[in-house]
N, C-alpha and C. Protein backbone atom coordinates (compact mmCIF):
# COMPACT_ATOMS: atom_id res chain seq x y z
N ASN A 1 93.01 17.95 245.49
CA ASN A 1 92.31 16.80 244.95
C ASN A 1 93.02 15.49 245.32
N ILE A 2 94.34 15.49 245.29
CA ILE A 2 95.07 14.26 245.59
C ILE A 2 94.89 13.87 247.06
N ILE A 3 94.80 14.85 247.94
CA ILE A 3 94.59 14.53 249.36
C ILE A 3 93.21 13.90 249.54
N TRP A 4 92.22 14.46 248.89
CA TRP A 4 90.87 13.89 248.93
C TRP A 4 90.87 12.46 248.42
N LYS A 5 91.51 12.24 247.26
CA LYS A 5 91.55 10.89 246.68
C LYS A 5 92.24 9.91 247.63
N LYS A 6 93.36 10.34 248.21
CA LYS A 6 94.08 9.45 249.13
C LYS A 6 93.21 9.09 250.34
N GLN A 7 92.48 10.07 250.87
CA GLN A 7 91.65 9.79 252.03
C GLN A 7 90.46 8.91 251.67
N ILE A 8 89.76 9.23 250.60
CA ILE A 8 88.56 8.50 250.23
C ILE A 8 88.85 7.10 249.70
N PHE A 9 89.84 7.00 248.82
CA PHE A 9 90.05 5.73 248.13
C PHE A 9 91.21 4.89 248.65
N GLN A 10 92.13 5.51 249.39
CA GLN A 10 93.30 4.76 249.83
C GLN A 10 93.49 4.77 251.34
N GLY A 11 92.51 5.28 252.05
CA GLY A 11 92.52 5.18 253.50
C GLY A 11 93.46 6.12 254.23
N LEU A 12 93.81 7.25 253.63
CA LEU A 12 94.63 8.23 254.35
C LEU A 12 93.89 8.66 255.60
N ASP A 13 94.57 8.60 256.72
CA ASP A 13 93.98 8.97 258.00
C ASP A 13 93.45 10.41 257.93
N PRO A 14 92.23 10.65 258.42
CA PRO A 14 91.66 12.00 258.37
C PRO A 14 92.54 13.06 259.05
N LEU A 15 93.22 12.69 260.11
CA LEU A 15 94.11 13.65 260.78
C LEU A 15 95.30 14.00 259.90
N ASP A 16 95.83 13.00 259.19
CA ASP A 16 96.93 13.26 258.26
C ASP A 16 96.46 14.12 257.09
N ALA A 17 95.25 13.86 256.63
CA ALA A 17 94.68 14.66 255.54
C ALA A 17 94.52 16.11 256.00
N ASP A 18 94.01 16.30 257.21
CA ASP A 18 93.84 17.64 257.74
C ASP A 18 95.18 18.35 257.88
N LEU A 19 96.18 17.66 258.36
CA LEU A 19 97.52 18.24 258.48
C LEU A 19 98.05 18.67 257.11
N ALA A 20 97.86 17.82 256.12
CA ALA A 20 98.31 18.15 254.76
C ALA A 20 97.59 19.39 254.24
N ILE A 21 96.29 19.49 254.49
CA ILE A 21 95.51 20.66 254.05
C ILE A 21 96.01 21.92 254.76
N GLN A 22 96.27 21.82 256.06
CA GLN A 22 96.75 22.98 256.81
C GLN A 22 98.11 23.45 256.28
N GLU A 23 98.99 22.51 255.96
CA GLU A 23 100.30 22.87 255.41
C GLU A 23 100.15 23.47 254.02
N PHE A 24 99.25 22.92 253.24
CA PHE A 24 99.01 23.42 251.88
C PHE A 24 98.54 24.88 251.92
N LYS A 25 97.71 25.21 252.89
CA LYS A 25 97.18 26.57 253.00
C LYS A 25 98.27 27.60 253.31
N LYS A 26 99.41 27.16 253.79
CA LYS A 26 100.51 28.06 254.12
C LYS A 26 101.32 28.48 252.89
N ILE A 27 101.11 27.80 251.79
CA ILE A 27 101.87 28.08 250.57
C ILE A 27 101.39 29.39 249.96
N SER A 28 102.33 30.21 249.58
CA SER A 28 102.01 31.46 248.90
C SER A 28 102.01 31.21 247.40
N PHE A 29 100.90 31.49 246.74
CA PHE A 29 100.77 31.21 245.32
C PHE A 29 100.93 32.47 244.48
N ILE A 30 101.52 32.32 243.32
CA ILE A 30 101.60 33.38 242.34
C ILE A 30 100.68 32.98 241.19
N ILE A 31 99.79 33.87 240.82
CA ILE A 31 98.84 33.59 239.75
C ILE A 31 99.48 33.95 238.40
N THR A 32 99.46 32.99 237.48
CA THR A 32 99.98 33.21 236.13
C THR A 32 98.81 33.17 235.16
N PRO A 33 98.58 34.25 234.43
CA PRO A 33 97.48 34.25 233.47
C PRO A 33 97.69 33.20 232.37
N ILE A 34 96.65 32.46 232.07
CA ILE A 34 96.73 31.41 231.05
C ILE A 34 97.21 31.93 229.70
N PRO A 35 96.80 33.10 229.25
CA PRO A 35 97.26 33.55 227.93
C PRO A 35 98.78 33.58 227.77
N THR A 36 99.51 33.77 228.88
CA THR A 36 100.97 33.77 228.76
C THR A 36 101.54 32.38 228.52
N LEU A 37 100.74 31.35 228.77
CA LEU A 37 101.18 29.96 228.60
C LEU A 37 100.54 29.28 227.40
N PHE A 38 99.54 29.92 226.83
CA PHE A 38 98.68 29.29 225.83
C PHE A 38 99.46 28.67 224.67
N ASP A 39 100.34 29.44 224.03
CA ASP A 39 101.05 28.94 222.85
C ASP A 39 101.91 27.72 223.17
N ASP A 40 102.70 27.82 224.24
CA ASP A 40 103.56 26.70 224.61
C ASP A 40 102.74 25.48 225.02
N ALA A 41 101.68 25.70 225.78
CA ALA A 41 100.84 24.59 226.21
C ALA A 41 100.17 23.91 225.02
N TYR A 42 99.73 24.69 224.07
CA TYR A 42 99.08 24.10 222.91
C TYR A 42 100.07 23.28 222.08
N ARG A 43 101.29 23.79 221.92
CA ARG A 43 102.32 23.02 221.19
C ARG A 43 102.61 21.70 221.89
N ILE A 44 102.71 21.74 223.20
CA ILE A 44 102.95 20.51 223.97
C ILE A 44 101.78 19.55 223.79
N ALA A 45 100.57 20.05 223.92
CA ALA A 45 99.38 19.20 223.79
C ALA A 45 99.32 18.50 222.44
N VAL A 46 99.61 19.24 221.39
CA VAL A 46 99.56 18.66 220.04
C VAL A 46 100.70 17.68 219.82
N LYS A 47 101.91 18.09 220.16
CA LYS A 47 103.09 17.24 219.91
C LYS A 47 103.00 15.90 220.65
N TYR A 48 102.57 15.94 221.91
CA TYR A 48 102.57 14.73 222.73
C TYR A 48 101.18 14.09 222.86
N LYS A 49 100.20 14.70 222.19
CA LYS A 49 98.82 14.17 222.23
C LYS A 49 98.31 14.06 223.67
N ARG A 50 98.50 15.12 224.41
CA ARG A 50 98.07 15.22 225.80
C ARG A 50 97.00 16.30 225.89
N THR A 51 96.27 16.33 226.98
CA THR A 51 95.23 17.35 227.12
C THR A 51 95.86 18.73 227.27
N PHE A 52 95.14 19.72 226.79
CA PHE A 52 95.59 21.10 226.94
C PHE A 52 95.71 21.46 228.42
N TYR A 53 94.76 20.98 229.20
CA TYR A 53 94.75 21.24 230.65
C TYR A 53 96.07 20.78 231.29
N ASP A 54 96.46 19.53 231.06
CA ASP A 54 97.71 19.01 231.61
C ASP A 54 98.91 19.75 231.04
N SER A 55 98.84 20.08 229.77
CA SER A 55 99.94 20.77 229.11
C SER A 55 100.15 22.18 229.65
N LEU A 56 99.10 22.81 230.14
CA LEU A 56 99.25 24.12 230.78
C LEU A 56 100.15 24.03 232.01
N TYR A 57 99.94 23.01 232.81
CA TYR A 57 100.77 22.84 234.00
C TYR A 57 102.23 22.59 233.62
N LEU A 58 102.43 21.78 232.61
CA LEU A 58 103.80 21.51 232.16
C LEU A 58 104.44 22.78 231.61
N ALA A 59 103.71 23.54 230.82
CA ALA A 59 104.24 24.80 230.27
C ALA A 59 104.60 25.76 231.40
N LEU A 60 103.81 25.80 232.44
CA LEU A 60 104.11 26.66 233.59
C LEU A 60 105.40 26.21 234.27
N SER A 61 105.57 24.91 234.44
CA SER A 61 106.79 24.43 235.09
C SER A 61 108.03 24.76 234.26
N VAL A 62 107.90 24.70 232.95
CA VAL A 62 109.01 25.06 232.07
C VAL A 62 109.30 26.56 232.21
N LYS A 63 108.25 27.37 232.18
CA LYS A 63 108.41 28.82 232.31
C LYS A 63 109.08 29.19 233.62
N GLU A 64 108.71 28.52 234.69
CA GLU A 64 109.24 28.82 236.02
C GLU A 64 110.52 28.04 236.33
N ASN A 65 110.93 27.16 235.41
CA ASN A 65 112.13 26.34 235.58
C ASN A 65 112.09 25.56 236.90
N CYS A 66 110.98 24.88 237.11
CA CYS A 66 110.83 24.12 238.34
C CYS A 66 110.37 22.69 238.03
N ALA A 67 110.46 21.84 239.03
CA ALA A 67 110.02 20.46 238.87
C ALA A 67 108.50 20.42 238.68
N PHE A 68 108.05 19.42 237.97
CA PHE A 68 106.63 19.20 237.74
C PHE A 68 106.31 17.80 238.24
N VAL A 69 105.51 17.71 239.30
CA VAL A 69 105.16 16.43 239.90
C VAL A 69 103.77 16.05 239.43
N THR A 70 103.64 14.83 238.92
CA THR A 70 102.35 14.35 238.42
C THR A 70 102.10 12.92 238.91
N ALA A 71 100.84 12.61 239.13
CA ALA A 71 100.44 11.25 239.45
C ALA A 71 100.00 10.50 238.20
N ASP A 72 99.94 11.21 237.08
CA ASP A 72 99.47 10.65 235.82
C ASP A 72 100.62 9.94 235.10
N GLU A 73 100.66 8.63 235.25
CA GLU A 73 101.77 7.85 234.69
C GLU A 73 101.81 7.89 233.16
N LYS A 74 100.65 7.92 232.52
CA LYS A 74 100.63 8.00 231.05
C LYS A 74 101.22 9.33 230.58
N PHE A 75 100.85 10.41 231.25
CA PHE A 75 101.39 11.73 230.92
C PHE A 75 102.90 11.74 231.13
N TYR A 76 103.32 11.24 232.27
CA TYR A 76 104.74 11.16 232.62
C TYR A 76 105.52 10.40 231.55
N ASN A 77 105.05 9.23 231.18
CA ASN A 77 105.76 8.41 230.19
C ASN A 77 105.79 9.06 228.81
N ALA A 78 104.76 9.81 228.48
CA ALA A 78 104.68 10.43 227.16
C ALA A 78 105.67 11.58 227.00
N ILE A 79 106.00 12.27 228.08
CA ILE A 79 106.80 13.48 227.94
C ILE A 79 108.15 13.47 228.64
N ARG A 80 108.41 12.49 229.47
CA ARG A 80 109.60 12.54 230.33
C ARG A 80 110.91 12.65 229.58
N GLN A 81 111.00 12.09 228.39
CA GLN A 81 112.24 12.15 227.63
C GLN A 81 112.63 13.59 227.29
N ASP A 82 111.66 14.41 226.99
CA ASP A 82 111.94 15.80 226.59
C ASP A 82 111.82 16.80 227.74
N PHE A 83 111.28 16.36 228.87
CA PHE A 83 111.10 17.25 230.02
C PHE A 83 111.67 16.57 231.27
N PRO A 84 112.98 16.66 231.46
CA PRO A 84 113.62 15.92 232.55
C PRO A 84 113.23 16.36 233.95
N LYS A 85 112.56 17.50 234.09
CA LYS A 85 112.17 17.95 235.42
C LYS A 85 110.81 17.41 235.85
N ILE A 86 110.23 16.53 235.04
CA ILE A 86 108.97 15.91 235.45
C ILE A 86 109.28 14.76 236.41
N ILE A 87 108.47 14.66 237.45
CA ILE A 87 108.66 13.63 238.47
C ILE A 87 107.33 12.92 238.67
N LEU A 88 107.38 11.61 238.64
CA LEU A 88 106.19 10.82 238.94
C LEU A 88 105.96 10.85 240.45
N LEU A 89 104.75 11.15 240.86
CA LEU A 89 104.43 11.28 242.28
C LEU A 89 104.90 10.07 243.08
N ALA A 90 104.76 8.88 242.52
CA ALA A 90 105.18 7.66 243.21
C ALA A 90 106.68 7.65 243.51
N ASN A 91 107.46 8.44 242.75
CA ASN A 91 108.91 8.49 242.94
C ASN A 91 109.37 9.75 243.67
N TRP A 92 108.44 10.60 244.03
CA TRP A 92 108.77 11.89 244.66
C TRP A 92 109.09 11.69 246.13
N HIS A 93 110.14 12.33 246.57
CA HIS A 93 110.55 12.20 247.98
C HIS A 93 110.43 13.53 248.67
């Protein structure tokens, strides 16, 4: 979705977008069933008044002990104090 947004709204060159899509397709994904994240995600959503959808991604990053990159500045600001592995996309290198 972010590649689409960058191309449509911010002028990302179509060739660069295609390259990003091709690289993305090389990533091997592990599927995590939502029920394993439900309780933690719901607690996060309620405590920080964030959407359950966004909180699922955060709960997954905590479970996997990995960085969580987001373009959502409001979400980032709401939780960054308690979740130091969150990275704002604008600051990601």
